[in-house]
Amino acid sequence: MNTPDQQIASYGRGLGWFARNYRWTICALLFFAAVINYVDRQIIGILKPVLQAELGWNEIDYSNIVFWFQVAYAIGFVSIGRLMDWIGTRKGFTLSVGFWSLAAMAHALAHSVMGFSAARFALGLGEAGNFPAAIKTVAEWFPKKERALATGIFNSGTNIGAIVTPLTVPLIAASFGWRPAFIITGLLGFVWLIFWLLLYSKPEEHPRITKEELAHINSDPPETATLIPWASLLTYRQTWAFAIGKFLTDPIWWFYLFWIPGFLYEKFNLSLTSLGLPLVIIYLAADVGSIGGGWLSSALIKRGWTINAARKTAMLICALCVVPIVFAAQTSNVWVAVALLSLATAAHQGWSANLFTTTSDMFPRRAVGSVVGIGGMAGAIGGMFIAKAAGYILQWTGSYLILFVMAGSAYILALLLIHLLAPHLEEADFESAPI
């Protein structure tokens, strides 16, 4: 008589493609985690006009609230990345999602800039675990040739979250008030945790995975399981290549996320409820860019390109597509601005999918979580600077032009520095001296 695990595995194999490719179910879990992550993250940007009117914030007040989220995100990224390598993705993801969901709900209790700053700080600590856990999960469940596509798919969830938020949050806020909006969206994380705990375990321990799929997942050369000292990672050029890429380009995404709703609201006199369609278009384009950017480099690799050439070609295309955003602040037509912003967000997400994947190109699985954490910390520090810069630039000039010029040039500069530090995206050599 078969054991329960054997019966589950037998049933799964009878489901055809899904049973033979269970890793894509895991990818779906990562996708929905990213959706929830961005709903909880973006809600304050959507509600910014309401909160400014009710609580009397100016641009500098708002930038301070965003700043404390970024501070916590930087702290959380570097520590949680190491935590993921230590306790594993199942426990680490559970702690992260549970903590950030409670923090998201805590916004409903805030009444001042200080209160919101405290809630955003807690949210930043929890949300910092999402990407280290997700990238480490991809490294565990996918061979190198599929990782960029898997990363692009789960990363596209951030854009779905950015689409869902402007479609639902204004309606919730209009019907029940802004405080219940924070509570309702915060509860989504606990729903996700039920599915995560039911469906996830390591590939070699999972009852629903076939021997053929496990062999496919492990088709890359085997790696030792010994953890690499965190401090030693800072001595490698590859770590700095990833970190500098994140430092220069993550802040641009933070700017889009927290200030674009306000830009559309102020420049084109859109109401809170009419922001939905423009933001949906912008983040749908970002979704296409996320999957398309990951697909492009994976497709080039399958055609025989080197990993280095494929990743950097895809990143160069994305970097060039951001440049036209400098005209968004000068147009008087809302749909021209939406088109330029859509191109830029799509390009950012295509860039991000490939940049994230370079960590698993250059480092063994046992170091991926830590390297992503270091890069995420660098990106969050960059986000701290953009938060302060945006607040003061907008308060003093009332113009977004300087900020869009910064956005248009950041990716080309980042790619140049990445290429100088990692000209071949070669794997870090832990057997000989670094740098």
Protein backbone atom coordinates (compact mmCIF):
# COMPACT_ATOMS: atom_id res chain seq x y z
CA MET A 1 0.00 0.00 0.00
CA ASN A 2 1.32 3.43 -0.96
CA THR A 3 2.16 6.00 1.68
CA PRO A 4 0.19 9.30 1.64
CA ASP A 5 3.22 11.05 0.09
CA GLN A 6 3.42 8.40 -2.65
CA GLN A 7 -0.32 8.75 -3.32
CA ILE A 8 0.05 12.52 -3.63
CA ALA A 9 3.00 12.12 -5.97
CA SER A 10 1.10 9.57 -8.09
CA TYR A 11 -1.92 11.86 -8.32
CA GLY A 12 0.31 14.78 -9.27
CA ARG A 13 1.96 12.83 -12.08
CA GLY A 14 -1.49 12.13 -13.51
CA LEU A 15 -2.10 15.83 -13.97
CA GLY A 16 0.23 15.96 -16.97
CA TRP A 17 2.26 19.05 -17.68
CA PHE A 18 1.66 20.68 -14.28
CA ALA A 19 2.84 17.59 -12.46
CA ARG A 20 5.96 17.33 -14.62
CA ASN A 21 6.71 21.04 -14.13
CA TYR A 22 5.82 21.68 -10.50
CA ARG A 23 8.53 24.36 -10.30
CA TRP A 24 6.17 26.73 -12.11
CA THR A 25 3.65 26.30 -9.28
CA ILE A 26 6.39 27.54 -6.95
CA CYS A 27 6.97 30.41 -9.36
CA ALA A 28 3.25 31.24 -9.12
CA LEU A 29 3.54 31.45 -5.32
CA LEU A 30 6.42 33.90 -5.72
CA PHE A 31 4.34 35.89 -8.21
CA PHE A 32 1.45 36.32 -5.76
CA ALA A 33 3.83 37.23 -2.93
CA ALA A 34 5.18 40.01 -5.14
CA VAL A 35 1.62 41.17 -5.89
CA ILE A 36 0.80 41.49 -2.19
CA ASN A 37 4.18 43.05 -1.46
CA TYR A 38 3.45 45.89 -3.87
CA VAL A 39 -0.15 46.38 -2.84
CA ASP A 40 1.03 47.01 0.72
CA ARG A 41 3.90 49.14 -0.53
CA GLN A 42 2.07 51.33 -3.04
CA ILE A 43 -1.12 52.05 -1.12
CA ILE A 44 0.42 55.12 0.53
CA GLY A 45 1.28 56.59 -2.89
CA ILE A 46 -2.29 56.11 -4.09
CA LEU A 47 -3.73 57.65 -0.93
CA LYS A 48 -1.17 60.48 -0.86
CA PRO A 49 -3.64 63.21 -1.99
CA VAL A 50 -6.20 62.13 0.64
CA LEU A 51 -3.64 61.86 3.41
CA GLN A 52 -2.04 65.20 2.53
CA ALA A 53 -5.43 66.91 2.58
CA GLU A 54 -6.63 65.28 5.82
CA LEU A 55 -3.37 65.28 7.78
CA GLY A 56 -1.79 68.45 6.37
CA TRP A 57 1.40 66.95 4.92
CA ASN A 58 3.63 68.83 2.49
CA GLU A 59 6.07 67.23 0.03
CA ILE A 60 8.89 67.18 2.58
CA ASP A 61 6.66 65.47 5.20
CA TYR A 62 5.71 62.84 2.65
CA SER A 63 9.34 62.36 1.61
CA ASN A 64 10.29 61.81 5.28
CA ILE A 65 7.71 59.03 5.59
CA VAL A 66 9.06 57.38 2.44
CA PHE A 67 12.60 57.91 3.71
CA TRP A 68 12.00 55.84 6.86
CA PHE A 69 10.58 53.01 4.79
CA GLN A 70 13.81 53.07 2.78
CA VAL A 71 15.99 53.11 5.89
CA ALA A 72 14.27 50.01 7.23
CA TYR A 73 14.34 48.37 3.81
CA ALA A 74 18.11 48.84 3.68
CA ILE A 75 18.58 47.41 7.17
CA GLY A 76 16.19 44.55 6.51
CA PHE A 77 17.60 43.64 3.12
CA VAL A 78 21.14 43.02 4.30
CA SER A 79 20.14 41.13 7.44
CA ILE A 80 17.23 39.16 5.98
CA GLY A 81 19.25 38.08 2.96
CA ARG A 82 21.65 36.34 5.33
CA LEU A 83 18.73 34.99 7.34
CA MET A 84 17.31 33.35 4.22
CA ASP A 85 20.62 31.57 3.61
CA TRP A 86 20.66 30.44 7.24
CA ILE A 87 17.12 29.26 8.01
CA GLY A 88 15.91 28.60 4.46
CA THR A 89 13.19 30.06 2.31
CA ARG A 90 10.19 28.28 3.84
CA LYS A 91 10.70 29.70 7.34
CA GLY A 92 12.24 32.94 6.13
CA PHE A 93 9.42 33.79 3.74
CA THR A 94 6.85 32.95 6.42
CA LEU A 95 8.44 35.34 8.92
CA SER A 96 8.80 38.10 6.35
CA VAL A 97 5.25 38.02 4.97
CA GLY A 98 3.68 37.70 8.42
CA PHE A 99 5.64 40.66 9.79
CA TRP A 100 5.05 42.99 6.86
CA SER A 101 1.32 42.17 6.79
CA LEU A 102 0.98 43.19 10.43
CA ALA A 103 2.94 46.37 9.70
CA ALA A 104 0.69 47.17 6.73
CA MET A 105 -2.39 46.91 8.96
CA ALA A 106 -0.72 49.09 11.60
CA HIS A 107 -0.93 52.10 9.24
CA ALA A 108 -4.61 52.28 10.15
CA LEU A 109 -3.61 53.29 13.70
CA ALA A 110 -1.38 56.21 12.63
CA HIS A 111 -2.44 59.85 13.06
CA SER A 112 0.76 61.82 12.39
CA VAL A 113 3.89 61.92 10.27
CA MET A 114 5.73 60.18 13.11
CA GLY A 115 3.09 57.46 13.32
CA PHE A 116 3.18 56.80 9.60
CA SER A 117 6.98 56.84 9.64
CA ALA A 118 6.98 54.16 12.35
CA ALA A 119 4.50 52.00 10.42
CA ARG A 120 6.48 52.43 7.20
CA PHE A 121 9.69 51.54 9.02
CA ALA A 122 8.16 48.26 10.20
CA LEU A 123 6.77 47.60 6.71
CA GLY A 124 10.21 48.15 5.20
CA LEU A 125 11.82 45.65 7.59
CA GLY A 126 9.30 42.96 6.66
CA GLU A 127 9.10 43.62 2.93
CA ALA A 128 12.88 43.47 2.63
CA GLY A 129 12.61 39.69 2.84
CA ASN A 130 10.56 39.25 -0.32
CA PHE A 131 13.23 39.50 -3.00
CA PRO A 132 16.07 37.66 -1.22
CA ALA A 133 13.65 34.81 -0.51
CA ALA A 134 12.20 34.80 -4.02
CA ILE A 135 15.58 34.91 -5.80
CA LYS A 136 16.92 32.17 -3.53
CA THR A 137 13.80 30.08 -4.26
CA VAL A 138 14.36 30.51 -8.00
CA ALA A 139 17.99 29.43 -7.57
CA GLU A 140 16.82 26.32 -5.70
CA TRP A 141 13.99 25.37 -8.08
CA PHE A 142 15.29 26.34 -11.55
CA PRO A 143 18.41 25.59 -13.61
CA LYS A 144 20.39 28.63 -14.78
CA LYS A 145 18.90 28.63 -18.28
CA GLU A 146 15.39 29.20 -16.87
CA ARG A 147 16.13 31.57 -14.01
CA ALA A 148 15.80 34.85 -15.90
CA LEU A 149 12.36 33.83 -17.20
CA ALA A 150 11.22 32.62 -13.78
CA THR A 151 12.53 35.84 -12.21
CA GLY A 152 10.75 37.90 -14.85
CA ILE A 153 7.48 36.07 -14.20
CA PHE A 154 7.51 36.43 -10.42
CA ASN A 155 8.84 39.99 -10.69
CA SER A 156 5.87 40.84 -12.93
CA GLY A 157 3.74 40.36 -9.84
CA THR A 158 5.06 43.68 -8.58
CA ASN A 159 3.38 45.33 -11.53
CA ILE A 160 0.14 43.43 -11.02
CA GLY A 161 0.20 44.71 -7.45
CA ALA A 162 0.76 48.20 -8.78
CA ILE A 163 -2.25 47.69 -11.08
CA VAL A 164 -4.56 46.18 -8.47
CA THR A 165 -3.85 48.95 -5.97
CA PRO A 166 -5.18 51.97 -7.94
CA LEU A 167 -8.16 49.93 -9.11
CA THR A 168 -9.26 48.80 -5.66
CA VAL A 169 -7.84 51.09 -2.97
CA PRO A 170 -9.65 54.29 -4.08
CA LEU A 171 -12.95 52.38 -4.07
CA ILE A 172 -12.27 50.91 -0.63
CA ALA A 173 -11.22 54.29 0.70
CA ALA A 174 -14.29 55.99 -0.82
CA SER A 175 -16.62 53.36 0.65
CA PHE A 176 -15.09 52.73 4.07
CA GLY A 177 -12.32 55.30 4.61
CA TRP A 178 -8.55 55.16 4.26
CA ARG A 179 -7.95 53.35 7.55
CA PRO A 180 -9.96 50.22 6.58
CA ALA A 181 -8.11 50.26 3.24
CA PHE A 182 -4.85 49.56 5.08
CA ILE A 183 -6.45 46.78 7.15
CA ILE A 184 -8.12 45.01 4.22
CA THR A 185 -5.01 45.02 2.04
CA GLY A 186 -2.83 43.93 4.97
CA LEU A 187 -4.92 40.79 5.45
CA LEU A 188 -3.96 39.49 1.99
CA GLY A 189 -0.56 38.38 3.24
CA PHE A 190 -2.07 35.97 5.75
CA VAL A 191 -4.16 34.36 2.99
CA TRP A 192 -0.97 33.84 0.95
CA LEU A 193 0.78 32.25 3.92
CA ILE A 194 -1.79 29.45 4.00
CA PHE A 195 -0.93 28.42 0.44
CA TRP A 196 2.81 28.86 0.98
CA LEU A 197 2.87 26.53 3.99
CA LEU A 198 0.70 23.96 2.23
CA LEU A 199 2.54 23.90 -1.10
CA TYR A 200 6.21 24.70 -0.48
CA SER A 201 9.20 22.59 0.50
CA LYS A 202 12.65 22.05 -1.01
CA PRO A 203 12.71 20.24 -4.39
CA GLU A 204 14.52 17.19 -3.03
CA GLU A 205 11.95 16.87 -0.23
CA HIS A 206 8.79 17.66 -2.19
CA PRO A 207 6.29 14.78 -2.64
CA ARG A 208 4.83 16.23 -5.85
CA ILE A 209 8.00 16.56 -7.86
CA THR A 210 8.98 13.85 -10.37
CA LYS A 211 12.44 12.35 -10.65
CA GLU A 212 12.71 13.80 -14.15
CA GLU A 213 11.95 17.34 -12.98
CA LEU A 214 14.35 17.03 -10.04
CA ALA A 215 17.07 15.96 -12.46
CA HIS A 216 16.22 18.96 -14.66
CA ILE A 217 16.44 21.33 -11.70
CA ASN A 218 19.80 19.86 -10.69
CA SER A 219 21.20 19.80 -14.22
CA ASP A 220 23.73 22.51 -13.40
CA PRO A 221 27.07 21.40 -11.87
CA PRO A 222 26.71 20.50 -8.16
CA GLU A 223 27.68 23.01 -5.48
CA THR A 224 28.97 22.66 -1.97
CA ALA A 225 26.51 23.50 0.82
CA THR A 226 29.01 25.40 2.98
CA LEU A 227 27.90 28.95 3.72
CA ILE A 228 30.20 31.71 2.53
CA PRO A 229 31.10 34.32 5.19
CA TRP A 230 29.00 37.42 4.59
CA ALA A 231 31.88 39.87 4.93
CA SER A 232 33.94 38.00 2.36
CA LEU A 233 31.29 38.66 -0.28
CA LEU A 234 32.14 42.36 -0.10
CA THR A 235 35.62 41.59 -1.41
CA TYR A 236 34.37 40.42 -4.80
CA ARG A 237 33.92 42.63 -7.86
CA GLN A 238 30.78 40.67 -8.76
CA THR A 239 29.09 41.71 -5.51
CA TRP A 240 29.89 45.35 -6.17
CA ALA A 241 28.69 45.11 -9.77
CA PHE A 242 25.28 43.95 -8.59
CA ALA A 243 25.16 46.40 -5.67
CA ILE A 244 26.07 49.43 -7.81
CA GLY A 245 23.45 48.42 -10.39
CA LYS A 246 20.85 48.33 -7.64
CA PHE A 247 22.06 51.57 -6.02
CA LEU A 248 21.68 53.54 -9.25
CA THR A 249 18.45 52.07 -10.64
CA ASP A 250 16.29 50.92 -7.71
CA PRO A 251 15.71 54.55 -6.62
CA ILE A 252 14.12 55.25 -10.00
CA TRP A 253 11.54 52.55 -9.40
CA TRP A 254 10.89 53.91 -5.90
CA PHE A 255 10.33 57.31 -7.46
CA TYR A 256 7.81 55.86 -9.94
CA LEU A 257 6.02 53.97 -7.21
CA PHE A 258 5.68 56.74 -4.64
CA TRP A 259 5.50 59.89 -6.79
CA ILE A 260 3.93 59.06 -10.16
CA PRO A 261 0.36 59.01 -8.76
CA GLY A 262 1.02 62.48 -7.34
CA PHE A 263 2.59 63.63 -10.62
CA LEU A 264 -0.51 62.64 -12.58
CA TYR A 265 -2.81 64.08 -9.91
CA GLU A 266 -1.03 67.45 -9.79
CA LYS A 267 0.05 68.02 -13.40
CA PHE A 268 -3.09 66.78 -15.15
CA ASN A 269 -5.69 67.45 -12.41
CA LEU A 270 -6.79 63.82 -12.19
CA SER A 271 -9.01 62.85 -9.29
CA LEU A 272 -8.21 59.96 -6.94
CA THR A 273 -10.68 57.65 -8.67
CA SER A 274 -9.60 58.67 -12.20
CA LEU A 275 -5.96 57.76 -11.52
CA GLY A 276 -6.82 54.10 -12.03
CA LEU A 277 -6.72 53.82 -15.84
CA PRO A 278 -3.42 55.69 -16.42
CA LEU A 279 -1.71 53.72 -13.64
CA VAL A 280 -3.11 50.44 -14.94
CA ILE A 281 -1.64 51.17 -18.38
CA ILE A 282 1.73 52.15 -16.89
CA TYR A 283 2.04 49.03 -14.78
CA LEU A 284 0.62 46.68 -17.40
CA ALA A 285 3.45 47.87 -19.62
CA ALA A 286 5.85 47.20 -16.73
CA ASP A 287 4.45 43.67 -16.50
CA VAL A 288 5.17 43.07 -20.18
CA GLY A 289 8.66 44.48 -19.70
CA SER A 290 9.38 42.22 -16.74
CA ILE A 291 8.48 39.04 -18.57
CA GLY A 292 9.84 40.27 -21.90
CA GLY A 293 13.20 41.27 -20.45
CA GLY A 294 13.62 37.90 -18.76
CA TRP A 295 12.47 36.07 -21.89
CA LEU A 296 14.86 38.02 -24.15
CA SER A 297 18.08 37.03 -22.40
CA SER A 298 16.87 33.44 -21.93
CA ALA A 299 15.99 33.25 -25.65
CA LEU A 300 19.41 34.60 -26.64
CA ILE A 301 21.12 32.00 -24.43
CA LYS A 302 19.11 29.23 -26.09
CA ARG A 303 20.32 30.57 -29.47
CA GLY A 304 23.90 30.06 -28.37
CA TRP A 305 24.78 33.48 -26.96
CA THR A 306 26.96 33.57 -23.88
CA ILE A 307 25.27 34.44 -20.60
CA ASN A 308 27.32 37.63 -20.47
CA ALA A 309 26.30 38.80 -23.95
CA ALA A 310 22.66 37.85 -23.50
CA ARG A 311 22.18 39.53 -20.13
CA LYS A 312 24.00 42.73 -21.06
CA THR A 313 22.32 43.06 -24.45
CA ALA A 314 18.92 42.81 -22.80
CA MET A 315 19.99 45.33 -20.15
CA LEU A 316 21.33 47.76 -22.78
CA ILE A 317 18.03 47.68 -24.68
CA CYS A 318 16.18 48.38 -21.44
CA ALA A 319 18.56 51.21 -20.50
CA LEU A 320 18.03 52.96 -23.84
CA CYS A 321 14.24 52.64 -23.57
CA VAL A 322 14.21 54.68 -20.34
CA VAL A 323 15.88 57.75 -21.87
CA PRO A 324 12.73 59.33 -23.44
CA ILE A 325 11.17 59.75 -19.99
CA VAL A 326 12.88 63.16 -19.78
CA PHE A 327 10.03 64.50 -21.96
CA ALA A 328 7.27 63.36 -19.57
CA ALA A 329 7.55 66.49 -17.42
CA GLN A 330 7.24 68.78 -20.46
CA THR A 331 4.21 67.37 -22.24
CA SER A 332 0.76 68.82 -21.67
CA ASN A 333 -1.00 65.66 -22.85
CA VAL A 334 -1.69 63.11 -20.14
CA TRP A 335 -1.62 60.17 -22.56
CA VAL A 336 1.76 61.15 -23.98
CA ALA A 337 3.06 61.24 -20.42
CA VAL A 338 1.45 57.85 -19.73
CA ALA A 339 3.10 56.40 -22.86
CA LEU A 340 6.54 57.68 -21.83
CA LEU A 341 6.10 56.43 -18.28
CA SER A 342 4.87 53.07 -19.57
CA LEU A 343 7.98 52.64 -21.71
CA ALA A 344 10.21 53.58 -18.80
CA THR A 345 8.55 51.26 -16.27
CA ALA A 346 8.57 48.37 -18.76
CA ALA A 347 12.26 48.96 -19.37
CA HIS A 348 13.01 49.14 -15.65
CA GLN A 349 11.36 45.81 -14.97
CA GLY A 350 13.10 44.13 -17.91
CA TRP A 351 16.36 45.54 -16.56
CA SER A 352 15.54 44.36 -13.04
CA ALA A 353 14.74 40.79 -14.11
CA ASN A 354 18.14 40.49 -15.75
CA LEU A 355 20.04 42.30 -13.01
CA PHE A 356 18.59 40.00 -10.35
CA THR A 357 19.48 36.96 -12.43
CA THR A 358 23.13 37.99 -12.65
CA THR A 359 23.47 37.03 -8.97
CA SER A 360 22.77 33.38 -9.76
CA ASP A 361 25.03 33.66 -12.84
CA MET A 362 27.97 34.88 -10.76
CA PHE A 363 27.45 33.19 -7.38
CA PRO A 364 26.62 29.70 -6.08
CA ARG A 365 23.16 29.11 -4.65
CA ARG A 366 24.41 29.19 -1.08
CA ALA A 367 25.46 32.83 -1.52
CA VAL A 368 22.58 34.16 -3.63
CA GLY A 369 20.36 35.27 -0.74
CA SER A 370 23.21 37.20 0.87
CA VAL A 371 24.30 38.88 -2.37
CA VAL A 372 20.72 39.88 -3.19
CA GLY A 373 20.47 41.26 0.34
CA ILE A 374 23.61 43.35 -0.11
CA GLY A 375 22.33 44.66 -3.44
CA GLY A 376 18.92 45.33 -2.00
CA MET A 377 20.49 47.31 0.81
CA ALA A 378 22.39 49.37 -1.77
CA GLY A 379 19.17 49.97 -3.71
CA ALA A 380 17.35 51.00 -0.55
CA ILE A 381 20.13 53.43 0.36
CA GLY A 382 19.75 54.90 -3.11
CA GLY A 383 16.03 55.07 -2.41
CA MET A 384 16.73 57.07 0.74
CA PHE A 385 18.54 59.65 -1.36
CA ILE A 386 15.80 59.82 -4.00
CA ALA A 387 13.14 60.22 -1.30
CA LYS A 388 14.90 63.23 0.18
CA ALA A 389 15.79 64.65 -3.23
CA ALA A 390 12.26 64.32 -4.57
CA GLY A 391 10.73 65.96 -1.52
CA TYR A 392 13.00 69.01 -1.59
CA ILE A 393 13.12 69.37 -5.39
CA LEU A 394 9.33 69.30 -5.64
CA GLN A 395 8.82 71.56 -2.63
CA TRP A 396 11.30 74.15 -3.94
CA THR A 397 10.73 73.98 -7.72
CA GLY A 398 7.33 72.34 -8.21
CA SER A 399 8.81 70.60 -11.29
CA TYR A 400 9.51 66.93 -12.01
CA LEU A 401 11.98 67.66 -14.84
CA ILE A 402 15.18 67.20 -12.79
CA LEU A 403 13.89 63.92 -11.41
CA PHE A 404 13.03 62.60 -14.88
CA VAL A 405 16.50 63.56 -16.18
CA MET A 406 18.01 61.54 -13.33
CA ALA A 407 15.78 58.60 -14.27
CA GLY A 408 16.72 58.75 -17.94
CA SER A 409 20.48 58.60 -17.34
CA ALA A 410 20.75 56.17 -14.41
CA TYR A 411 20.57 52.88 -16.31
CA ILE A 412 23.22 53.62 -18.92
CA LEU A 413 25.62 54.70 -16.18
CA ALA A 414 24.79 51.59 -14.16
CA LEU A 415 25.40 49.25 -17.11
CA LEU A 416 28.76 50.87 -17.82
CA LEU A 417 29.90 50.35 -14.22
CA ILE A 418 28.59 46.77 -14.15
CA HIS A 419 30.55 45.99 -17.30
CA LEU A 420 33.73 47.52 -15.87
CA LEU A 421 33.42 45.46 -12.68
CA ALA A 422 32.21 42.20 -14.25
CA PRO A 423 33.20 42.30 -17.93
CA HIS A 424 32.32 38.65 -18.49
CA LEU A 425 29.82 38.02 -15.64
CA GLU A 426 32.31 35.39 -14.57
CA GLU A 427 31.55 33.24 -11.54
CA ALA A 428 33.13 34.40 -8.30
CA ASP A 429 36.17 32.27 -7.54
CA PHE A 430 36.04 31.33 -3.86
CA GLU A 431 39.13 29.17 -4.15
CA SER A 432 41.54 32.01 -4.89
CA ALA A 433 41.98 35.60 -3.78
CA PRO A 434 39.11 38.01 -4.62
CA ILE A 435 39.37 41.35 -6.40
